[in-house]
């Protein structure tokens, strides 16, 4: 995890450096008043009334309207690439928007798969794990004497409601998640599964009262359940990583769009503004693949 976080920080730094490469002006320059008032001519009434209307849009030296860096910033903050397109940099607009589209697709796909697998393994637990059997076994003298319990069962005070309605009622969503997480994670909860076998003999265990130590009991359902739970967590973790990529894409695109608009207004060589494209595209692809793994 620390390696992934460290590499992400380095990639962010490289993205920012690549996005802001070149001698470009600041994002927002000071806007000057577009109103001129001519003073009274000495000794007469020869003066010009100031203009109170909306000022004409500033023009670049190429005779084209100057694009507002603020508008470019806001456009790309809302939709990456929109500000670049507004500023006239269509190639970079395609890169930022393309990454947004791909990352959004990966996010929804991973999040949907994670939730679907979660629903599946929860259904397995509801069908094959008996909470009453587990709680009854845990209270027996044999269980207390031969087993070390370190984790309480989440939502245990809502068990009766759950058995009657299939819902935990007032138990928080985080506690419900922990309830299903722990069933496959720790050996102490093996007693509730309905396909128990004695690991030493391979014989089926007919009732929880026959369980001496959970270390000598195995459940294939529980092992498969744990695999499904891990798969769901991997999908959801991937979705979280991609969400971070989407946020960074919005911010970098917004800053880049504002600088591009300001650069074009001040006559910066278009080649200087566009050359970052060759750097951004492969780096973004590498980062997207890194987060999607």
C-alpha atoms as a PDB file:
ATOM      1  CA  UNK A   1       0.000   0.000   0.000  1.00  0.00           C
ATOM      2  CA  UNK A   2       2.813   2.440   0.874  1.00  0.00           C
ATOM      3  CA  UNK A   3       4.562   1.598  -2.385  1.00  0.00           C
ATOM      4  CA  UNK A   4       1.377   2.300  -4.353  1.00  0.00           C
ATOM      5  CA  UNK A   5       0.833   5.606  -2.553  1.00  0.00           C
ATOM      6  CA  UNK A   6       4.444   6.654  -3.074  1.00  0.00           C
ATOM      7  CA  UNK A   7       4.364   5.813  -6.755  1.00  0.00           C
ATOM      8  CA  UNK A   8       1.088   7.707  -7.137  1.00  0.00           C
ATOM      9  CA  UNK A   9       2.662  10.810  -5.565  1.00  0.00           C
ATOM     10  CA  UNK A  10       5.608  10.576  -7.965  1.00  0.00           C
ATOM     11  CA  UNK A  11       3.285  10.201 -10.919  1.00  0.00           C
ATOM     12  CA  UNK A  12       1.249  13.213  -9.781  1.00  0.00           C
ATOM     13  CA  UNK A  13       4.411  15.275  -9.568  1.00  0.00           C
ATOM     14  CA  UNK A  14       5.442  14.160 -13.032  1.00  0.00           C
ATOM     15  CA  UNK A  15       2.009  14.995 -14.409  1.00  0.00           C
ATOM     16  CA  UNK A  16       2.111  18.487 -12.959  1.00  0.00           C
ATOM     17  CA  UNK A  17       5.637  19.059 -14.225  1.00  0.00           C
ATOM     18  CA  UNK A  18       4.663  17.847 -17.684  1.00  0.00           C
ATOM     19  CA  UNK A  19       1.467  19.842 -17.731  1.00  0.00           C
ATOM     20  CA  UNK A  20       3.222  23.072 -16.820  1.00  0.00           C
ATOM     21  CA  UNK A  21       6.399  22.579 -18.871  1.00  0.00           C
ATOM     22  CA  UNK A  22       7.552  25.613 -20.802  1.00  0.00           C
ATOM     23  CA  UNK A  23       7.686  29.266 -20.007  1.00  0.00           C
ATOM     24  CA  UNK A  24       4.028  30.151 -19.807  1.00  0.00           C
ATOM     25  CA  UNK A  25       2.360  33.102 -18.134  1.00  0.00           C
ATOM     26  CA  UNK A  26       0.350  32.854 -14.949  1.00  0.00           C
ATOM     27  CA  UNK A  27      -3.153  31.408 -15.011  1.00  0.00           C
ATOM     28  CA  UNK A  28      -5.063  34.626 -14.440  1.00  0.00           C
ATOM     29  CA  UNK A  29      -3.739  38.012 -15.423  1.00  0.00           C
ATOM     30  CA  UNK A  30      -5.097  41.250 -14.025  1.00  0.00           C
ATOM     31  CA  UNK A  31      -7.974  42.491 -16.126  1.00  0.00           C
ATOM     32  CA  UNK A  32      -7.948  46.196 -16.836  1.00  0.00           C
ATOM     33  CA  UNK A  33     -10.894  48.474 -17.179  1.00  0.00           C
ATOM     34  CA  UNK A  34     -12.111  48.873 -20.746  1.00  0.00           C
ATOM     35  CA  UNK A  35     -13.353  52.407 -20.047  1.00  0.00           C
ATOM     36  CA  UNK A  36     -11.467  55.560 -20.898  1.00  0.00           C
ATOM     37  CA  UNK A  37     -12.475  58.982 -19.687  1.00  0.00           C
ATOM     38  CA  UNK A  38     -10.977  61.994 -21.404  1.00  0.00           C
ATOM     39  CA  UNK A  39     -10.455  64.967 -19.080  1.00  0.00           C
ATOM     40  CA  UNK A  40     -11.894  68.351 -19.821  1.00  0.00           C
ATOM     41  CA  UNK A  41      -9.852  70.263 -22.337  1.00  0.00           C
ATOM     42  CA  UNK A  42      -8.144  73.275 -20.840  1.00  0.00           C
ATOM     43  CA  UNK A  43     -10.306  76.325 -21.141  1.00  0.00           C
ATOM     44  CA  UNK A  44     -13.291  74.631 -22.811  1.00  0.00           C
ATOM     45  CA  UNK A  45     -15.969  71.948 -22.769  1.00  0.00           C
ATOM     46  CA  UNK A  46     -14.214  69.609 -25.207  1.00  0.00           C
ATOM     47  CA  UNK A  47     -14.588  66.282 -23.413  1.00  0.00           C
ATOM     48  CA  UNK A  48     -15.803  62.801 -24.298  1.00  0.00           C
ATOM     49  CA  UNK A  49     -18.502  61.054 -22.294  1.00  0.00           C
ATOM     50  CA  UNK A  50     -17.263  57.769 -20.811  1.00  0.00           C
ATOM     51  CA  UNK A  51     -18.686  54.521 -22.141  1.00  0.00           C
ATOM     52  CA  UNK A  52     -21.038  52.826 -19.676  1.00  0.00           C
ATOM     53  CA  UNK A  53     -21.882  49.861 -21.864  1.00  0.00           C
ATOM     54  CA  UNK A  54     -20.315  46.389 -21.951  1.00  0.00           C
ATOM     55  CA  UNK A  55     -16.742  46.484 -23.148  1.00  0.00           C
ATOM     56  CA  UNK A  56     -15.881  44.786 -26.399  1.00  0.00           C
ATOM     57  CA  UNK A  57     -14.218  41.380 -26.119  1.00  0.00           C
ATOM     58  CA  UNK A  58     -10.412  41.758 -26.126  1.00  0.00           C
ATOM     59  CA  UNK A  59      -8.688  40.660 -29.303  1.00  0.00           C
ATOM     60  CA  UNK A  60      -5.389  38.829 -29.742  1.00  0.00           C
ATOM     61  CA  UNK A  61      -2.675  40.070 -32.061  1.00  0.00           C
ATOM     62  CA  UNK A  62      -3.959  37.582 -34.640  1.00  0.00           C
ATOM     63  CA  UNK A  63      -7.324  39.320 -34.774  1.00  0.00           C
ATOM     64  CA  UNK A  64      -9.186  36.563 -32.923  1.00  0.00           C
ATOM     65  CA  UNK A  65     -11.208  37.023 -29.716  1.00  0.00           C
ATOM     66  CA  UNK A  66      -9.164  36.414 -26.573  1.00  0.00           C
ATOM     67  CA  UNK A  67     -10.332  33.401 -24.595  1.00  0.00           C
ATOM     68  CA  UNK A  68     -10.991  33.897 -20.894  1.00  0.00           C
ATOM     69  CA  UNK A  69      -8.659  31.830 -18.662  1.00  0.00           C
ATOM     70  CA  UNK A  70     -11.336  31.804 -15.969  1.00  0.00           C
ATOM     71  CA  UNK A  71     -13.895  30.329 -18.317  1.00  0.00           C
ATOM     72  CA  UNK A  72     -11.391  27.779 -19.608  1.00  0.00           C
ATOM     73  CA  UNK A  73     -10.574  26.805 -16.008  1.00  0.00           C
ATOM     74  CA  UNK A  74     -14.223  26.323 -15.050  1.00  0.00           C
ATOM     75  CA  UNK A  75     -15.092  24.461 -18.253  1.00  0.00           C
ATOM     76  CA  UNK A  76     -12.349  21.871 -17.707  1.00  0.00           C
ATOM     77  CA  UNK A  77     -13.054  21.664 -13.986  1.00  0.00           C
ATOM     78  CA  UNK A  78     -16.568  20.529 -14.888  1.00  0.00           C
ATOM     79  CA  UNK A  79     -15.562  18.406 -17.901  1.00  0.00           C
ATOM     80  CA  UNK A  80     -11.882  17.716 -18.600  1.00  0.00           C
ATOM     81  CA  UNK A  81     -10.951  18.802 -22.101  1.00  0.00           C
ATOM     82  CA  UNK A  82     -13.776  21.323 -22.439  1.00  0.00           C
ATOM     83  CA  UNK A  83     -11.528  24.234 -21.414  1.00  0.00           C
ATOM     84  CA  UNK A  84      -8.786  23.161 -23.826  1.00  0.00           C
ATOM     85  CA  UNK A  85     -11.328  22.936 -26.635  1.00  0.00           C
ATOM     86  CA  UNK A  86     -12.637  26.390 -25.738  1.00  0.00           C
ATOM     87  CA  UNK A  87      -9.068  27.725 -25.784  1.00  0.00           C
ATOM     88  CA  UNK A  88      -8.447  26.219 -29.217  1.00  0.00           C
ATOM     89  CA  UNK A  89      -6.230  23.269 -28.218  1.00  0.00           C
ATOM     90  CA  UNK A  90      -8.249  20.402 -29.686  1.00  0.00           C
ATOM     91  CA  UNK A  91      -5.513  17.783 -29.424  1.00  0.00           C
ATOM     92  CA  UNK A  92      -5.123  18.210 -25.675  1.00  0.00           C
ATOM     93  CA  UNK A  93      -8.893  18.441 -25.323  1.00  0.00           C
ATOM     94  CA  UNK A  94      -9.163  14.990 -26.882  1.00  0.00           C
ATOM     95  CA  UNK A  95      -6.561  13.586 -24.472  1.00  0.00           C
ATOM     96  CA  UNK A  96      -8.167  14.917 -21.307  1.00  0.00           C
ATOM     97  CA  UNK A  97     -11.687  14.011 -22.401  1.00  0.00           C
ATOM     98  CA  UNK A  98     -10.570  10.571 -23.617  1.00  0.00           C
ATOM     99  CA  UNK A  99      -8.978   9.787 -20.278  1.00  0.00           C
ATOM    100  CA  UNK A 100     -12.119  10.968 -18.497  1.00  0.00           C
ATOM    101  CA  UNK A 101     -14.323   8.711 -20.617  1.00  0.00           C
ATOM    102  CA  UNK A 102     -12.091   5.645 -20.192  1.00  0.00           C
ATOM    103  CA  UNK A 103     -11.627   6.184 -16.447  1.00  0.00           C
ATOM    104  CA  UNK A 104     -15.354   6.758 -15.903  1.00  0.00           C
ATOM    105  CA  UNK A 105     -16.136   3.541 -17.753  1.00  0.00           C
ATOM    106  CA  UNK A 106     -13.607   1.606 -15.667  1.00  0.00           C
ATOM    107  CA  UNK A 107     -14.964   3.137 -12.470  1.00  0.00           C
ATOM    108  CA  UNK A 108     -18.590   2.186 -13.114  1.00  0.00           C
ATOM    109  CA  UNK A 109     -17.583  -1.275 -14.323  1.00  0.00           C
ATOM    110  CA  UNK A 110     -15.395  -2.030 -11.287  1.00  0.00           C
ATOM    111  CA  UNK A 111     -17.892  -0.570  -8.828  1.00  0.00           C
ATOM    112  CA  UNK A 112     -20.755  -2.531 -10.375  1.00  0.00           C
ATOM    113  CA  UNK A 113     -18.803  -5.805 -10.350  1.00  0.00           C
ATOM    114  CA  UNK A 114     -17.734  -5.253  -6.762  1.00  0.00           C
ATOM    115  CA  UNK A 115     -21.312  -4.662  -5.628  1.00  0.00           C
ATOM    116  CA  UNK A 116     -22.614  -7.646  -7.613  1.00  0.00           C
ATOM    117  CA  UNK A 117     -20.044 -10.011  -6.092  1.00  0.00           C
ATOM    118  CA  UNK A 118     -20.803  -8.576  -2.660  1.00  0.00           C
ATOM    119  CA  UNK A 119     -24.503  -9.345  -3.134  1.00  0.00           C
ATOM    120  CA  UNK A 120     -23.583 -12.882  -4.195  1.00  0.00           C
ATOM    121  CA  UNK A 121     -21.407 -13.734  -1.201  1.00  0.00           C
ATOM    122  CA  UNK A 122     -23.886 -12.162   1.203  1.00  0.00           C
ATOM    123  CA  UNK A 123     -26.592 -14.376  -0.269  1.00  0.00           C
ATOM    124  CA  UNK A 124     -24.340 -17.410   0.306  1.00  0.00           C
ATOM    125  CA  UNK A 125     -23.900 -16.421   3.954  1.00  0.00           C
ATOM    126  CA  UNK A 126     -27.633 -15.884   4.450  1.00  0.00           C
ATOM    127  CA  UNK A 127     -28.324 -19.370   3.089  1.00  0.00           C
ATOM    128  CA  UNK A 128     -25.488 -21.425   4.537  1.00  0.00           C
ATOM    129  CA  UNK A 129     -24.304 -19.665   7.707  1.00  0.00           C
ATOM    130  CA  UNK A 130     -26.510 -20.079  10.784  1.00  0.00           C
ATOM    131  CA  UNK A 131     -26.021 -17.235  13.240  1.00  0.00           C
ATOM    132  CA  UNK A 132     -28.065 -19.019  15.926  1.00  0.00           C
ATOM    133  CA  UNK A 133     -25.901 -22.133  15.671  1.00  0.00           C
ATOM    134  CA  UNK A 134     -22.739 -20.063  15.961  1.00  0.00           C
ATOM    135  CA  UNK A 135     -23.951 -18.104  19.008  1.00  0.00           C
ATOM    136  CA  UNK A 136     -25.175 -21.300  20.699  1.00  0.00           C
ATOM    137  CA  UNK A 137     -21.852 -23.062  20.064  1.00  0.00           C
ATOM    138  CA  UNK A 138     -19.836 -20.099  21.325  1.00  0.00           C
ATOM    139  CA  UNK A 139     -21.656 -20.191  24.658  1.00  0.00           C
ATOM    140  CA  UNK A 140     -20.830 -23.885  25.292  1.00  0.00           C
ATOM    141  CA  UNK A 141     -18.218 -24.904  27.836  1.00  0.00           C
ATOM    142  CA  UNK A 142     -16.281 -26.864  25.210  1.00  0.00           C
ATOM    143  CA  UNK A 143     -16.009 -23.829  22.925  1.00  0.00           C
ATOM    144  CA  UNK A 144     -14.934 -21.522  25.713  1.00  0.00           C
ATOM    145  CA  UNK A 145     -12.340 -23.974  27.014  1.00  0.00           C
ATOM    146  CA  UNK A 146     -10.717 -24.927  23.694  1.00  0.00           C
ATOM    147  CA  UNK A 147     -10.956 -21.746  21.618  1.00  0.00           C
ATOM    148  CA  UNK A 148      -9.705 -18.187  21.853  1.00  0.00           C
ATOM    149  CA  UNK A 149     -12.299 -15.600  20.823  1.00  0.00           C
ATOM    150  CA  UNK A 150     -10.944 -12.215  19.829  1.00  0.00           C
ATOM    151  CA  UNK A 151     -13.671 -10.736  17.642  1.00  0.00           C
ATOM    152  CA  UNK A 152     -17.239 -10.001  18.647  1.00  0.00           C
ATOM    153  CA  UNK A 153     -19.980 -10.633  16.105  1.00  0.00           C
ATOM    154  CA  UNK A 154     -21.095  -7.263  14.649  1.00  0.00           C
ATOM    155  CA  UNK A 155     -24.836  -6.520  14.778  1.00  0.00           C
ATOM    156  CA  UNK A 156     -25.295  -9.334  17.321  1.00  0.00           C
ATOM    157  CA  UNK A 157     -27.937  -7.312  19.169  1.00  0.00           C
ATOM    158  CA  UNK A 158     -30.019  -7.211  15.982  1.00  0.00           C
ATOM    159  CA  UNK A 159     -29.924 -10.955  15.316  1.00  0.00           C
ATOM    160  CA  UNK A 160     -33.558 -11.533  16.283  1.00  0.00           C
ATOM    161  CA  UNK A 161     -34.732  -8.795  13.926  1.00  0.00           C
ATOM    162  CA  UNK A 162     -32.524 -10.207  11.179  1.00  0.00           C
ATOM    163  CA  UNK A 163     -33.936 -13.729  11.602  1.00  0.00           C
ATOM    164  CA  UNK A 164     -37.496 -12.442  11.437  1.00  0.00           C
ATOM    165  CA  UNK A 165     -37.193  -9.916   8.592  1.00  0.00           C
ATOM    166  CA  UNK A 166     -33.922 -10.688   6.805  1.00  0.00           C
ATOM    167  CA  UNK A 167     -32.743  -7.152   7.646  1.00  0.00           C
ATOM    168  CA  UNK A 168     -30.607  -5.847  10.484  1.00  0.00           C
ATOM    169  CA  UNK A 169     -32.841  -2.846  11.070  1.00  0.00           C
ATOM    170  CA  UNK A 170     -31.043  -0.229  13.136  1.00  0.00           C
ATOM    171  CA  UNK A 171     -27.561  -1.730  12.735  1.00  0.00           C
ATOM    172  CA  UNK A 172     -25.317   0.703  10.827  1.00  0.00           C
ATOM    173  CA  UNK A 173     -24.198  -0.124   7.298  1.00  0.00           C
ATOM    174  CA  UNK A 174     -20.547  -0.277   8.397  1.00  0.00           C
ATOM    175  CA  UNK A 175     -21.418  -2.834  11.066  1.00  0.00           C
ATOM    176  CA  UNK A 176     -23.417  -4.886   8.569  1.00  0.00           C
ATOM    177  CA  UNK A 177     -20.418  -4.866   6.242  1.00  0.00           C
ATOM    178  CA  UNK A 178     -18.195  -6.081   9.089  1.00  0.00           C
ATOM    179  CA  UNK A 179     -20.709  -8.816   9.908  1.00  0.00           C
ATOM    180  CA  UNK A 180     -20.310 -10.316   6.419  1.00  0.00           C
ATOM    181  CA  UNK A 181     -16.573  -9.617   6.282  1.00  0.00           C
ATOM    182  CA  UNK A 182     -15.767 -11.537   9.450  1.00  0.00           C
ATOM    183  CA  UNK A 183     -17.728 -14.706   8.624  1.00  0.00           C
ATOM    184  CA  UNK A 184     -15.056 -15.864   6.209  1.00  0.00           C
ATOM    185  CA  UNK A 185     -12.070 -14.028   7.621  1.00  0.00           C
ATOM    186  CA  UNK A 186     -11.644 -15.595  11.073  1.00  0.00           C
ATOM    187  CA  UNK A 187     -11.704 -19.250  12.089  1.00  0.00           C
ATOM    188  CA  UNK A 188     -13.856 -18.586  15.145  1.00  0.00           C
ATOM    189  CA  UNK A 189     -16.916 -18.084  12.896  1.00  0.00           C
ATOM    190  CA  UNK A 190     -16.570 -21.442  11.129  1.00  0.00           C
ATOM    191  CA  UNK A 191     -19.049 -23.028  13.531  1.00  0.00           C
ATOM    192  CA  UNK A 192     -22.029 -21.484  11.778  1.00  0.00           C
ATOM    193  CA  UNK A 193     -21.443 -23.053   8.320  1.00  0.00           C
ATOM    194  CA  UNK A 194     -23.608 -26.017   7.354  1.00  0.00           C
ATOM    195  CA  UNK A 195     -21.013 -28.151   5.502  1.00  0.00           C
ATOM    196  CA  UNK A 196     -18.540 -28.701   8.344  1.00  0.00           C
ATOM    197  CA  UNK A 197     -16.058 -31.559   8.261  1.00  0.00           C
ATOM    198  CA  UNK A 198     -13.506 -32.820  10.712  1.00  0.00           C
ATOM    199  CA  UNK A 199     -10.180 -31.953   9.087  1.00  0.00           C
ATOM    200  CA  UNK A 200      -8.470 -34.921  10.741  1.00  0.00           C
ATOM    201  CA  UNK A 201     -10.898 -37.630   9.631  1.00  0.00           C
ATOM    202  CA  UNK A 202     -12.765 -36.008   6.732  1.00  0.00           C
ATOM    203  CA  UNK A 203     -16.086 -36.960   8.337  1.00  0.00           C
ATOM    204  CA  UNK A 204     -19.029 -34.574   8.261  1.00  0.00           C
ATOM    205  CA  UNK A 205     -19.975 -32.854  11.500  1.00  0.00           C
ATOM    206  CA  UNK A 206     -23.695 -33.229  12.040  1.00  0.00           C
ATOM    207  CA  UNK A 207     -24.178 -30.586  14.743  1.00  0.00           C
ATOM    208  CA  UNK A 208     -22.317 -27.673  16.236  1.00  0.00           C
ATOM    209  CA  UNK A 209     -22.236 -29.490  19.567  1.00  0.00           C
ATOM    210  CA  UNK A 210     -19.679 -31.871  18.058  1.00  0.00           C
ATOM    211  CA  UNK A 211     -17.182 -29.064  17.400  1.00  0.00           C
ATOM    212  CA  UNK A 212     -14.313 -29.131  19.826  1.00  0.00           C
ATOM    213  CA  UNK A 213     -11.771 -26.724  18.307  1.00  0.00           C
ATOM    214  CA  UNK A 214     -12.323 -24.574  15.198  1.00  0.00           C
ATOM    215  CA  UNK A 215      -8.760 -25.376  14.165  1.00  0.00           C
ATOM    216  CA  UNK A 216      -9.856 -28.948  13.454  1.00  0.00           C
ATOM    217  CA  UNK A 217     -12.887 -27.968  11.368  1.00  0.00           C
ATOM    218  CA  UNK A 218     -13.018 -27.124   7.675  1.00  0.00           C
ATOM    219  CA  UNK A 219     -15.811 -25.728   5.461  1.00  0.00           C
ATOM    220  CA  UNK A 220     -15.543 -25.582   1.679  1.00  0.00           C
ATOM    221  CA  UNK A 221     -18.387 -23.057   1.589  1.00  0.00           C
ATOM    222  CA  UNK A 222     -16.461 -20.784   3.885  1.00  0.00           C
ATOM    223  CA  UNK A 223     -13.309 -21.026   1.726  1.00  0.00           C
ATOM    224  CA  UNK A 224     -15.274 -20.181  -1.438  1.00  0.00           C
ATOM    225  CA  UNK A 225     -16.994 -17.374   0.448  1.00  0.00           C
ATOM    226  CA  UNK A 226     -13.619 -15.877   1.372  1.00  0.00           C
ATOM    227  CA  UNK A 227     -12.515 -15.927  -2.286  1.00  0.00           C
ATOM    228  CA  UNK A 228     -15.698 -14.084  -3.329  1.00  0.00           C
ATOM    229  CA  UNK A 229     -15.232 -11.542  -0.559  1.00  0.00           C
ATOM    230  CA  UNK A 230     -11.657 -10.827  -1.666  1.00  0.00           C
ATOM    231  CA  UNK A 231     -12.771 -10.470  -5.292  1.00  0.00           C
ATOM    232  CA  UNK A 232     -15.422  -7.946  -4.284  1.00  0.00           C
ATOM    233  CA  UNK A 233     -12.925  -5.945  -2.226  1.00  0.00           C
ATOM    234  CA  UNK A 234     -10.473  -5.861  -5.129  1.00  0.00           C
ATOM    235  CA  UNK A 235     -13.105  -4.521  -7.512  1.00  0.00           C
ATOM    236  CA  UNK A 236     -14.238  -1.849  -5.039  1.00  0.00           C
ATOM    237  CA  UNK A 237     -10.647  -0.847  -4.230  1.00  0.00           C
ATOM    238  CA  UNK A 238      -9.950  -0.479  -7.946  1.00  0.00           C
ATOM    239  CA  UNK A 239     -13.022   1.741  -8.294  1.00  0.00           C
ATOM    240  CA  UNK A 240     -11.722   3.950  -5.460  1.00  0.00           C
ATOM    241  CA  UNK A 241      -8.313   4.289  -7.135  1.00  0.00           C
ATOM    242  CA  UNK A 242      -9.916   5.249 -10.435  1.00  0.00           C
ATOM    243  CA  UNK A 243     -12.082   7.836  -8.674  1.00  0.00           C
ATOM    244  CA  UNK A 244      -8.843   9.464  -7.512  1.00  0.00           C
ATOM    245  CA  UNK A 245      -7.592   9.506 -11.096  1.00  0.00           C
ATOM    246  CA  UNK A 246     -10.805  11.212 -12.221  1.00  0.00           C
ATOM    247  CA  UNK A 247     -10.399  13.934  -9.596  1.00  0.00           C
ATOM    248  CA  UNK A 248      -6.771  14.583 -10.577  1.00  0.00           C
ATOM    249  CA  UNK A 249      -7.758  14.685 -14.247  1.00  0.00           C
ATOM    250  CA  UNK A 250     -10.313  17.437 -13.535  1.00  0.00           C
ATOM    251  CA  UNK A 251      -7.827  19.554 -11.591  1.00  0.00           C
ATOM    252  CA  UNK A 252      -4.898  19.240 -14.011  1.00  0.00           C
ATOM    253  CA  UNK A 253      -7.118  19.788 -17.040  1.00  0.00           C
ATOM    254  CA  UNK A 254      -8.596  22.934 -15.458  1.00  0.00           C
ATOM    255  CA  UNK A 255      -5.170  24.411 -14.684  1.00  0.00           C
ATOM    256  CA  UNK A 256      -3.818  23.473 -18.097  1.00  0.00           C
ATOM    257  CA  UNK A 257      -6.833  24.988 -19.875  1.00  0.00           C
ATOM    258  CA  UNK A 258      -6.430  28.296 -18.036  1.00  0.00           C
ATOM    259  CA  UNK A 259      -2.712  28.472 -18.858  1.00  0.00           C
ATOM    260  CA  UNK A 260      -3.377  27.565 -22.473  1.00  0.00           C
ATOM    261  CA  UNK A 261      -5.990  30.309 -22.828  1.00  0.00           C
ATOM    262  CA  UNK A 262      -3.670  32.873 -21.230  1.00  0.00           C
ATOM    263  CA  UNK A 263      -0.740  31.714 -23.359  1.00  0.00           C
ATOM    264  CA  UNK A 264      -2.683  32.039 -26.600  1.00  0.00           C
ATOM    265  CA  UNK A 265      -3.893  35.492 -25.593  1.00  0.00           C
ATOM    266  CA  UNK A 266      -0.317  36.627 -25.019  1.00  0.00           C
ATOM    267  CA  UNK A 267       0.985  35.183 -28.259  1.00  0.00           C
ATOM    268  CA  UNK A 268       2.949  32.213 -26.926  1.00  0.00           C
ATOM    269  CA  UNK A 269       4.188  29.964 -29.722  1.00  0.00           C
ATOM    270  CA  UNK A 270       1.446  27.359 -30.389  1.00  0.00           C
ATOM    271  CA  UNK A 271       4.127  24.671 -30.689  1.00  0.00           C
ATOM    272  CA  UNK A 272       5.154  25.399 -27.093  1.00  0.00           C
ATOM    273  CA  UNK A 273       1.570  25.000 -25.937  1.00  0.00           C
ATOM    274  CA  UNK A 274       1.046  21.758 -27.832  1.00  0.00           C
ATOM    275  CA  UNK A 275       4.313  19.944 -27.196  1.00  0.00           C
ATOM    276  CA  UNK A 276       3.180  18.855 -23.737  1.00  0.00           C
ATOM    277  CA  UNK A 277       0.631  16.620 -25.472  1.00  0.00           C
ATOM    278  CA  UNK A 278       3.337  14.114 -26.427  1.00  0.00           C
ATOM    279  CA  UNK A 279       4.311  13.863 -22.761  1.00  0.00           C
ATOM    280  CA  UNK A 280       0.865  13.815 -21.163  1.00  0.00           C
ATOM    281  CA  UNK A 281      -0.726  11.105 -23.280  1.00  0.00           C
ATOM    282  CA  UNK A 282       1.602   8.149 -22.547  1.00  0.00           C
ATOM    283  CA  UNK A 283       2.012   9.165 -18.899  1.00  0.00           C
ATOM    284  CA  UNK A 284      -1.723   9.333 -18.362  1.00  0.00           C
ATOM    285  CA  UNK A 285      -2.178   5.920 -19.982  1.00  0.00           C
ATOM    286  CA  UNK A 286       0.503   4.407 -17.720  1.00  0.00           C
ATOM    287  CA  UNK A 287      -1.077   5.953 -14.631  1.00  0.00           C
ATOM    288  CA  UNK A 288      -4.574   4.822 -15.628  1.00  0.00           C
ATOM    289  CA  UNK A 289      -3.365   1.246 -16.091  1.00  0.00           C
ATOM    290  CA  UNK A 290      -1.486   1.440 -12.780  1.00  0.00           C
ATOM    291  CA  UNK A 291      -4.619   2.461 -10.873  1.00  0.00           C
ATOM    292  CA  UNK A 292      -6.832  -0.003 -12.708  1.00  0.00           C
ATOM    293  CA  UNK A 293      -4.713  -3.046 -11.738  1.00  0.00           C
END
